[in-house]
C-alpha atoms as a PDB file:
ATOM      1  CA  MET A   1     -13.530  -1.673   1.886  1.00  0.00           C
ATOM      2  CA  VAL A   2     -12.663   1.978   1.302  1.00  0.00           C
ATOM      3  CA  LEU A   3     -10.449   3.616   3.945  1.00  0.00           C
ATOM      4  CA  THR A   4     -10.518   7.413   3.719  1.00  0.00           C
ATOM      5  CA  LEU A   5      -7.715   9.455   5.287  1.00  0.00           C
ATOM      6  CA  HIS A   6      -9.748  12.236   6.866  1.00  0.00           C
ATOM      7  CA  HIS A   7      -7.698  15.206   8.037  1.00  0.00           C
ATOM      8  CA  PRO A   8      -8.202  17.586   5.099  1.00  0.00           C
ATOM      9  CA  GLU A   9      -7.236  20.765   6.947  1.00  0.00           C
ATOM     10  CA  ARG A  10      -3.694  19.323   7.179  1.00  0.00           C
ATOM     11  CA  ARG A  11      -3.721  17.546   3.817  1.00  0.00           C
ATOM     12  CA  ASN A  12      -4.599  14.302   5.602  1.00  0.00           C
ATOM     13  CA  GLY A  13      -1.499  14.325   7.784  1.00  0.00           C
ATOM     14  CA  LEU A  14      -1.074  11.078   9.713  1.00  0.00           C
ATOM     15  CA  SER A  15      -1.854  11.214  13.431  1.00  0.00           C
ATOM     16  CA  PRO A  16      -1.452   8.329  15.899  1.00  0.00           C
ATOM     17  CA  GLU A  17      -5.235   8.084  16.050  1.00  0.00           C
ATOM     18  CA  MET A  18      -5.524   7.737  12.269  1.00  0.00           C
ATOM     19  CA  CYS A  19      -2.845   5.034  12.175  1.00  0.00           C
ATOM     20  CA  ALA A  20      -4.531   3.140  15.029  1.00  0.00           C
ATOM     21  CA  ALA A  21      -7.854   3.346  13.182  1.00  0.00           C
ATOM     22  CA  GLY A  22      -6.150   1.951  10.068  1.00  0.00           C
ATOM     23  CA  VAL A  23      -4.793  -1.016  12.014  1.00  0.00           C
ATOM     24  CA  GLU A  24      -8.201  -1.641  13.589  1.00  0.00           C
ATOM     25  CA  ALA A  25      -9.984  -1.489  10.227  1.00  0.00           C
ATOM     26  CA  LEU A  26      -7.624  -4.006   8.611  1.00  0.00           C
ATOM     27  CA  ASN A  27      -7.846  -6.328  11.602  1.00  0.00           C
ATOM     28  CA  ALA A  28     -11.634  -6.326  11.267  1.00  0.00           C
ATOM     29  CA  ALA A  29     -11.514  -6.762   7.484  1.00  0.00           C
ATOM     30  CA  GLY A  30      -9.038  -9.640   7.543  1.00  0.00           C
ATOM     31  CA  ASP A  31     -11.658 -12.175   8.637  1.00  0.00           C
ATOM     32  CA  ASP A  32     -14.595 -10.529   6.857  1.00  0.00           C
ATOM     33  CA  SER A  33     -15.423 -12.581   3.762  1.00  0.00           C
ATOM     34  CA  ASP A  34     -17.390  -9.645   2.342  1.00  0.00           C
ATOM     35  CA  VAL A  35     -14.154  -7.641   2.092  1.00  0.00           C
ATOM     36  CA  ARG A  36     -11.965  -8.928  -0.728  1.00  0.00           C
ATOM     37  CA  SER A  37      -9.803  -5.834  -1.267  1.00  0.00           C
ATOM     38  CA  VAL A  38      -9.125  -2.430   0.280  1.00  0.00           C
ATOM     39  CA  VAL A  39      -8.752   1.004  -1.331  1.00  0.00           C
ATOM     40  CA  ILE A  40      -7.024   3.812   0.605  1.00  0.00           C
ATOM     41  CA  VAL A  41      -7.931   7.314  -0.541  1.00  0.00           C
ATOM     42  CA  GLY A  42      -7.442  10.818   0.825  1.00  0.00           C
ATOM     43  CA  ASP A  43     -10.319  13.122   1.699  1.00  0.00           C
ATOM     44  CA  GLY A  44     -10.320  16.200  -0.519  1.00  0.00           C
ATOM     45  CA  ARG A  45      -7.636  17.266  -2.981  1.00  0.00           C
ATOM     46  CA  HIS A  46      -4.663  15.363  -1.518  1.00  0.00           C
ATOM     47  CA  PHE A  47      -3.757  11.805  -0.608  1.00  0.00           C
ATOM     48  CA  CYS A  48      -1.550  12.387   2.446  1.00  0.00           C
ATOM     49  CA  SER A  49       1.044  14.945   3.532  1.00  0.00           C
ATOM     50  CA  GLY A  50       2.879  12.474   5.785  1.00  0.00           C
ATOM     51  CA  VAL A  51       3.234  12.604   9.543  1.00  0.00           C
ATOM     52  CA  ASP A  52       1.231  15.482  11.048  1.00  0.00           C
ATOM     53  CA  LEU A  53       4.147  17.781  11.955  1.00  0.00           C
ATOM     54  CA  LEU A  54       2.132  20.035  14.263  1.00  0.00           C
ATOM     55  CA  GLY A  55       0.996  16.994  16.206  1.00  0.00           C
ATOM     56  CA  LEU A  56       4.549  15.654  16.228  1.00  0.00           C
ATOM     57  CA  GLN A  57       5.866  18.930  17.614  1.00  0.00           C
ATOM     58  CA  SER A  58       3.212  18.885  20.333  1.00  0.00           C
ATOM     59  CA  ARG A  59       4.087  15.319  21.341  1.00  0.00           C
ATOM     60  CA  LEU A  60       7.795  16.168  21.466  1.00  0.00           C
ATOM     61  CA  GLN A  61       7.058  18.863  24.021  1.00  0.00           C
ATOM     62  CA  ARG A  62       5.061  16.488  26.216  1.00  0.00           C
ATOM     63  CA  ALA A  63       7.453  13.552  26.614  1.00  0.00           C
ATOM     64  CA  PRO A  64      10.677  12.418  24.922  1.00  0.00           C
ATOM     65  CA  GLU A  65       9.255   8.988  24.124  1.00  0.00           C
ATOM     66  CA  ALA A  66       5.992  10.282  22.625  1.00  0.00           C
ATOM     67  CA  PRO A  67       7.317  10.791  19.068  1.00  0.00           C
ATOM     68  CA  ALA A  68       8.741   7.257  18.997  1.00  0.00           C
ATOM     69  CA  ASP A  69       5.387   5.885  20.117  1.00  0.00           C
ATOM     70  CA  GLY A  70       3.712   7.788  17.294  1.00  0.00           C
ATOM     71  CA  ILE A  71       6.101   6.438  14.659  1.00  0.00           C
ATOM     72  CA  ASP A  72       5.662   2.923  16.074  1.00  0.00           C
ATOM     73  CA  GLY A  73       1.916   3.333  15.510  1.00  0.00           C
ATOM     74  CA  LEU A  74       2.532   4.307  11.873  1.00  0.00           C
ATOM     75  CA  HIS A  75       4.867   1.366  11.408  1.00  0.00           C
ATOM     76  CA  MET A  76       2.283  -1.010  12.877  1.00  0.00           C
ATOM     77  CA  TRP A  77      -0.135   0.149  10.188  1.00  0.00           C
ATOM     78  CA  ILE A  78       2.493  -0.225   7.455  1.00  0.00           C
ATOM     79  CA  GLU A  79       3.281  -3.758   8.626  1.00  0.00           C
ATOM     80  CA  GLU A  80      -0.435  -4.556   8.824  1.00  0.00           C
ATOM     81  CA  ILE A  81      -0.839  -3.521   5.178  1.00  0.00           C
ATOM     82  CA  ARG A  82       2.146  -5.644   4.125  1.00  0.00           C
ATOM     83  CA  THR A  83       0.890  -8.762   5.919  1.00  0.00           C
ATOM     84  CA  PHE A  84      -2.827  -8.216   5.249  1.00  0.00           C
ATOM     85  CA  PRO A  85      -4.034 -11.266   3.258  1.00  0.00           C
ATOM     86  CA  LYS A  86      -5.991  -9.170   0.748  1.00  0.00           C
ATOM     87  CA  PRO A  87      -4.792  -6.628  -1.822  1.00  0.00           C
ATOM     88  CA  VAL A  88      -4.576  -2.974  -0.788  1.00  0.00           C
ATOM     89  CA  ILE A  89      -4.746  -0.222  -3.428  1.00  0.00           C
ATOM     90  CA  ALA A  90      -3.662   3.403  -2.955  1.00  0.00           C
ATOM     91  CA  ALA A  91      -5.630   5.993  -4.949  1.00  0.00           C
ATOM     92  CA  VAL A  92      -3.414   9.093  -5.071  1.00  0.00           C
ATOM     93  CA  GLU A  93      -4.621  12.559  -5.989  1.00  0.00           C
ATOM     94  CA  GLY A  94      -2.722  15.761  -5.263  1.00  0.00           C
ATOM     95  CA  SER A  95       0.296  15.072  -3.087  1.00  0.00           C
ATOM     96  CA  ALA A  96       1.643  12.022  -1.297  1.00  0.00           C
ATOM     97  CA  ALA A  97       4.540  13.357   0.731  1.00  0.00           C
ATOM     98  CA  GLY A  98       6.910  11.914   3.320  1.00  0.00           C
ATOM     99  CA  ALA A  99       5.198   9.096   5.165  1.00  0.00           C
ATOM    100  CA  GLY A 100       2.256   9.570   2.793  1.00  0.00           C
ATOM    101  CA  PHE A 101       4.526   8.399  -0.023  1.00  0.00           C
ATOM    102  CA  SER A 102       5.678   5.526   2.214  1.00  0.00           C
ATOM    103  CA  LEU A 103       2.048   4.608   2.914  1.00  0.00           C
ATOM    104  CA  ALA A 104       1.266   4.493  -0.790  1.00  0.00           C
ATOM    105  CA  MET A 105       4.336   2.342  -1.488  1.00  0.00           C
ATOM    106  CA  ALA A 106       3.327  -0.104   1.249  1.00  0.00           C
ATOM    107  CA  CYS A 107       0.164  -0.835  -0.741  1.00  0.00           C
ATOM    108  CA  ASP A 108       0.034  -3.613  -3.327  1.00  0.00           C
ATOM    109  CA  PHE A 109      -1.070  -1.280  -6.122  1.00  0.00           C
ATOM    110  CA  ILE A 110      -0.740   2.469  -6.667  1.00  0.00           C
ATOM    111  CA  VAL A 111      -3.096   4.399  -8.928  1.00  0.00           C
ATOM    112  CA  ALA A 112      -2.186   8.067  -9.323  1.00  0.00           C
ATOM    113  CA  ALA A 113      -3.665  11.032 -11.134  1.00  0.00           C
ATOM    114  CA  ARG A 114      -1.468  12.446 -13.889  1.00  0.00           C
ATOM    115  CA  ASP A 115      -0.965  15.686 -11.956  1.00  0.00           C
ATOM    116  CA  ALA A 116      -0.287  13.920  -8.646  1.00  0.00           C
ATOM    117  CA  VAL A 117       3.092  14.541  -7.056  1.00  0.00           C
ATOM    118  CA  LEU A 118       4.849  12.089  -4.763  1.00  0.00           C
ATOM    119  CA  ALA A 119       7.882  13.051  -2.697  1.00  0.00           C
ATOM    120  CA  MET A 120      10.013  11.724   0.158  1.00  0.00           C
ATOM    121  CA  THR A 121      10.069  15.169   1.777  1.00  0.00           C
ATOM    122  CA  SER A 122      11.393  14.316   5.243  1.00  0.00           C
ATOM    123  CA  VAL A 123      14.848  15.721   4.522  1.00  0.00           C
ATOM    124  CA  ARG A 124      13.292  19.094   3.676  1.00  0.00           C
ATOM    125  CA  VAL A 125      12.101  19.477   7.290  1.00  0.00           C
ATOM    126  CA  GLY A 126      15.273  18.091   8.889  1.00  0.00           C
ATOM    127  CA  LEU A 127      14.002  14.559   9.426  1.00  0.00           C
ATOM    128  CA  SER A 128      14.957  11.147   8.094  1.00  0.00           C
ATOM    129  CA  PRO A 129      12.350   9.048   6.263  1.00  0.00           C
ATOM    130  CA  ASN A 130       9.882   6.806   8.062  1.00  0.00           C
ATOM    131  CA  GLY A 131       7.023   4.483   7.247  1.00  0.00           C
ATOM    132  CA  GLY A 132       9.275   2.049   5.400  1.00  0.00           C
ATOM    133  CA  GLY A 133       9.887   4.421   2.508  1.00  0.00           C
ATOM    134  CA  THR A 134      13.621   3.770   2.241  1.00  0.00           C
ATOM    135  CA  TRP A 135      13.021  -0.001   2.390  1.00  0.00           C
ATOM    136  CA  GLU A 136      10.511   0.176  -0.443  1.00  0.00           C
ATOM    137  CA  LEU A 137      12.679   2.484  -2.568  1.00  0.00           C
ATOM    138  CA  ALA A 138      15.771   0.309  -2.067  1.00  0.00           C
ATOM    139  CA  ARG A 139      13.862  -2.782  -3.200  1.00  0.00           C
ATOM    140  CA  ALA A 140      12.199  -1.119  -6.175  1.00  0.00           C
ATOM    141  CA  LEU A 141      14.949   1.067  -7.640  1.00  0.00           C
ATOM    142  CA  PRO A 142      18.667   1.247  -8.366  1.00  0.00           C
ATOM    143  CA  ARG A 143      20.603   2.726  -5.440  1.00  0.00           C
ATOM    144  CA  GLN A 144      21.324   6.022  -7.183  1.00  0.00           C
ATOM    145  CA  CYS A 145      17.651   6.573  -7.959  1.00  0.00           C
ATOM    146  CA  ALA A 146      16.596   5.684  -4.401  1.00  0.00           C
ATOM    147  CA  ASN A 147      19.228   8.121  -3.105  1.00  0.00           C
ATOM    148  CA  GLU A 148      17.877  10.879  -5.346  1.00  0.00           C
ATOM    149  CA  PHE A 149      14.336  10.478  -4.073  1.00  0.00           C
ATOM    150  CA  ALA A 150      15.185  10.017  -0.375  1.00  0.00           C
ATOM    151  CA  MET A 151      18.129  12.426  -0.021  1.00  0.00           C
ATOM    152  CA  LEU A 152      16.965  15.307  -2.214  1.00  0.00           C
ATOM    153  CA  GLY A 153      13.279  14.996  -1.297  1.00  0.00           C
ATOM    154  CA  GLY A 154      12.126  16.544  -4.558  1.00  0.00           C
ATOM    155  CA  GLN A 155       8.724  16.186  -6.185  1.00  0.00           C
ATOM    156  CA  ILE A 156       8.373  13.157  -8.458  1.00  0.00           C
ATOM    157  CA  PRO A 157       5.638  13.216 -11.114  1.00  0.00           C
ATOM    158  CA  ALA A 158       3.330  10.220 -11.212  1.00  0.00           C
ATOM    159  CA  GLU A 159       4.302   9.460 -14.797  1.00  0.00           C
ATOM    160  CA  ARG A 160       7.999   9.161 -13.888  1.00  0.00           C
ATOM    161  CA  LEU A 161       7.109   6.716 -11.117  1.00  0.00           C
ATOM    162  CA  ALA A 162       4.964   4.772 -13.571  1.00  0.00           C
ATOM    163  CA  ALA A 163       7.931   4.547 -15.940  1.00  0.00           C
ATOM    164  CA  LEU A 164      10.020   3.210 -13.033  1.00  0.00           C
ATOM    165  CA  GLY A 165       7.378   0.597 -12.201  1.00  0.00           C
ATOM    166  CA  ILE A 166       6.264   2.035  -8.843  1.00  0.00           C
ATOM    167  CA  VAL A 167       2.888   3.415  -9.984  1.00  0.00           C
ATOM    168  CA  ASN A 168       0.619   0.857 -11.691  1.00  0.00           C
ATOM    169  CA  ARG A 169      -1.769   3.174 -13.464  1.00  0.00           C
ATOM    170  CA  VAL A 170      -1.865   6.900 -14.249  1.00  0.00           C
ATOM    171  CA  THR A 171      -5.272   8.527 -14.719  1.00  0.00           C
ATOM    172  CA  ALA A 172      -6.692  11.916 -15.542  1.00  0.00           C
ATOM    173  CA  SER A 173      -6.947  14.328 -12.629  1.00  0.00           C
ATOM    174  CA  GLY A 174      -9.765  13.231 -10.346  1.00  0.00           C
ATOM    175  CA  GLY A 175      -9.838   9.716 -11.777  1.00  0.00           C
ATOM    176  CA  ALA A 176      -7.571   7.826  -9.377  1.00  0.00           C
ATOM    177  CA  PHE A 177     -10.301   6.582  -7.047  1.00  0.00           C
ATOM    178  CA  ALA A 178     -12.504   5.260  -9.867  1.00  0.00           C
ATOM    179  CA  ALA A 179      -9.514   3.496 -11.449  1.00  0.00           C
ATOM    180  CA  ALA A 180      -8.600   1.997  -8.069  1.00  0.00           C
ATOM    181  CA  LEU A 181     -12.148   0.677  -7.723  1.00  0.00           C
ATOM    182  CA  ASP A 182     -11.842  -0.879 -11.195  1.00  0.00           C
ATOM    183  CA  ILE A 183      -8.710  -2.745 -10.107  1.00  0.00           C
ATOM    184  CA  ALA A 184     -10.454  -3.779  -6.882  1.00  0.00           C
ATOM    185  CA  ALA A 185     -13.421  -5.141  -8.851  1.00  0.00           C
ATOM    186  CA  GLU A 186     -11.091  -7.176 -11.041  1.00  0.00           C
ATOM    187  CA  LEU A 187      -9.272  -8.553  -7.980  1.00  0.00           C
ATOM    188  CA  ASN A 188     -12.553  -9.267  -6.199  1.00  0.00           C
ATOM    189  CA  ALA A 189     -13.620 -11.601  -9.007  1.00  0.00           C
ATOM    190  CA  LEU A 190     -10.483 -13.734  -8.624  1.00  0.00           C
ATOM    191  CA  PRO A 191      -9.992 -16.570  -6.081  1.00  0.00           C
ATOM    192  CA  SER A 192      -9.260 -14.908  -2.744  1.00  0.00           C
ATOM    193  CA  ASN A 193      -7.110 -17.772  -1.476  1.00  0.00           C
ATOM    194  CA  VAL A 194      -4.825 -17.517  -4.525  1.00  0.00           C
ATOM    195  CA  ILE A 195      -4.583 -13.733  -4.201  1.00  0.00           C
ATOM    196  CA  ALA A 196      -3.579 -14.154  -0.539  1.00  0.00           C
ATOM    197  CA  SER A 197      -0.933 -16.751  -1.445  1.00  0.00           C
ATOM    198  CA  THR A 198       0.469 -14.594  -4.224  1.00  0.00           C
ATOM    199  CA  LYS A 199       0.726 -11.522  -1.996  1.00  0.00           C
ATOM    200  CA  GLU A 200       2.524 -13.522   0.686  1.00  0.00           C
ATOM    201  CA  LEU A 201       4.954 -15.059  -1.802  1.00  0.00           C
ATOM    202  CA  ILE A 202       5.839 -11.733  -3.406  1.00  0.00           C
ATOM    203  CA  THR A 203       6.192  -9.978  -0.048  1.00  0.00           C
ATOM    204  CA  GLU A 204       8.572 -12.624   1.296  1.00  0.00           C
ATOM    205  CA  ALA A 205      10.555 -13.287  -1.894  1.00  0.00           C
ATOM    206  CA  ALA A 206      13.248 -10.624  -1.476  1.00  0.00           C
ATOM    207  CA  ALA A 207      14.370 -11.957   1.902  1.00  0.00           C
ATOM    208  CA  MET A 208      14.406 -15.609   0.859  1.00  0.00           C
ATOM    209  CA  PRO A 209      16.888 -17.723  -1.148  1.00  0.00           C
ATOM    210  CA  ALA A 210      15.479 -19.146  -4.377  1.00  0.00           C
ATOM    211  CA  SER A 211      15.589 -22.760  -3.167  1.00  0.00           C
ATOM    212  CA  LEU A 212      13.484 -21.948  -0.095  1.00  0.00           C
ATOM    213  CA  HIS A 213      11.121 -19.791  -2.118  1.00  0.00           C
ATOM    214  CA  LEU A 214      10.526 -22.630  -4.561  1.00  0.00           C
ATOM    215  CA  ARG A 215       9.467 -24.851  -1.651  1.00  0.00           C
ATOM    216  CA  LYS A 216       7.133 -22.126  -0.438  1.00  0.00           C
ATOM    217  CA  GLU A 217       5.604 -21.877  -3.917  1.00  0.00           C
ATOM    218  CA  ARG A 218       5.131 -25.652  -3.969  1.00  0.00           C
ATOM    219  CA  ASP A 219       3.392 -25.644  -0.585  1.00  0.00           C
ATOM    220  CA  HIS A 220       1.048 -22.814  -1.585  1.00  0.00           C
ATOM    221  CA  PHE A 221       0.306 -24.511  -4.923  1.00  0.00           C
ATOM    222  CA  VAL A 222      -0.600 -27.829  -3.316  1.00  0.00           C
ATOM    223  CA  ARG A 223      -2.738 -26.161  -0.660  1.00  0.00           C
ATOM    224  CA  ASN A 224      -4.604 -24.118  -3.266  1.00  0.00           C
ATOM    225  CA  LEU A 225      -5.011 -27.176  -5.514  1.00  0.00           C
ATOM    226  CA  HIS A 226      -7.112 -28.745  -2.751  1.00  0.00           C
ATOM    227  CA  TYR A 227      -9.187 -25.595  -2.330  1.00  0.00           C
ATOM    228  CA  ALA A 228     -12.607 -25.541  -4.037  1.00  0.00           C
ATOM    229  CA  ASN A 229     -11.633 -22.600  -6.255  1.00  0.00           C
ATOM    230  CA  ALA A 230      -9.116 -24.763  -8.121  1.00  0.00           C
ATOM    231  CA  GLY A 231     -11.848 -27.188  -9.167  1.00  0.00           C
ATOM    232  CA  VAL A 232     -14.064 -24.297 -10.244  1.00  0.00           C
ATOM    233  CA  GLY A 233     -11.285 -22.695 -12.281  1.00  0.00           C
ATOM    234  CA  ILE A 234     -10.084 -25.889 -13.959  1.00  0.00           C
ATOM    235  CA  ASP A 235     -13.627 -26.948 -14.849  1.00  0.00           C
ATOM    236  CA  ALA A 236     -14.394 -23.501 -16.292  1.00  0.00           C
ATOM    237  CA  PHE A 237     -11.215 -23.627 -18.406  1.00  0.00           C
ATOM    238  CA  ILE A 238     -12.062 -27.081 -19.787  1.00  0.00           C
ATOM    239  CA  THR A 239     -15.715 -26.282 -20.507  1.00  0.00           C
ATOM    240  CA  GLY A 240     -15.112 -22.731 -21.768  1.00  0.00           C
ATOM    241  CA  THR A 241     -17.397 -21.177 -19.157  1.00  0.00           C
ATOM    242  CA  VAL A 242     -16.860 -18.274 -16.751  1.00  0.00           C
ATOM    243  CA  ALA A 243     -15.492 -19.232 -13.335  1.00  0.00           C
ATOM    244  CA  ARG A 244     -17.305 -17.933 -10.253  1.00  0.00           C
ATOM    245  CA  PHE A 245     -14.805 -18.046  -7.410  1.00  0.00           C
ATOM    246  CA  ASP A 246     -15.327 -17.848  -3.662  1.00  0.00           C
END
């Protein structure tokens, strides 16, 4: 499934409606066996400029609780991506700023064009980060580096993020979407039940002691051993043939 952020006149700024549509799309795709992975891409030259500030300003004037409701909608989408049982890939061209950077980091893979720029820009407009960006940065980077990105809000080249392990693959300008589809095709050929288990284990690992995580790994392993894909994979390995997984 390809999800396109479509708000090009505002560099695909995130509105409550867009976030709700993202949640709805993932809910529908979760039980759809024809969907084995998801690619999120921006319409036009940019990935996402973050929360739509003009819309946010309008909601602030209507009711004090409206902005919180809007951020809750964004966070529902972020949490849906994190718990979605299939891999989600961000294809970043142009800029991914503020919550757009957070959205990309919530994905399981990030592919970015060499001239793409990612930035936690909230501080530059007098706002604190949202969309789980500080959580992701704190898990992925040393504290000083996370502070630099979140407190200074400067532009970070894709290649620096690749060197830090946040971006998986850097492509030529205009090539991020095609490279994301290549990763999706590779994932789609692998056993979907094992991919789902692996995503869950990695997502939960940081909040879990090693002894408990080992038990979780055991339980997933045994469950997947009794799944048909294990027989297919083991037989293909022994016979030297190509496995065709469900």
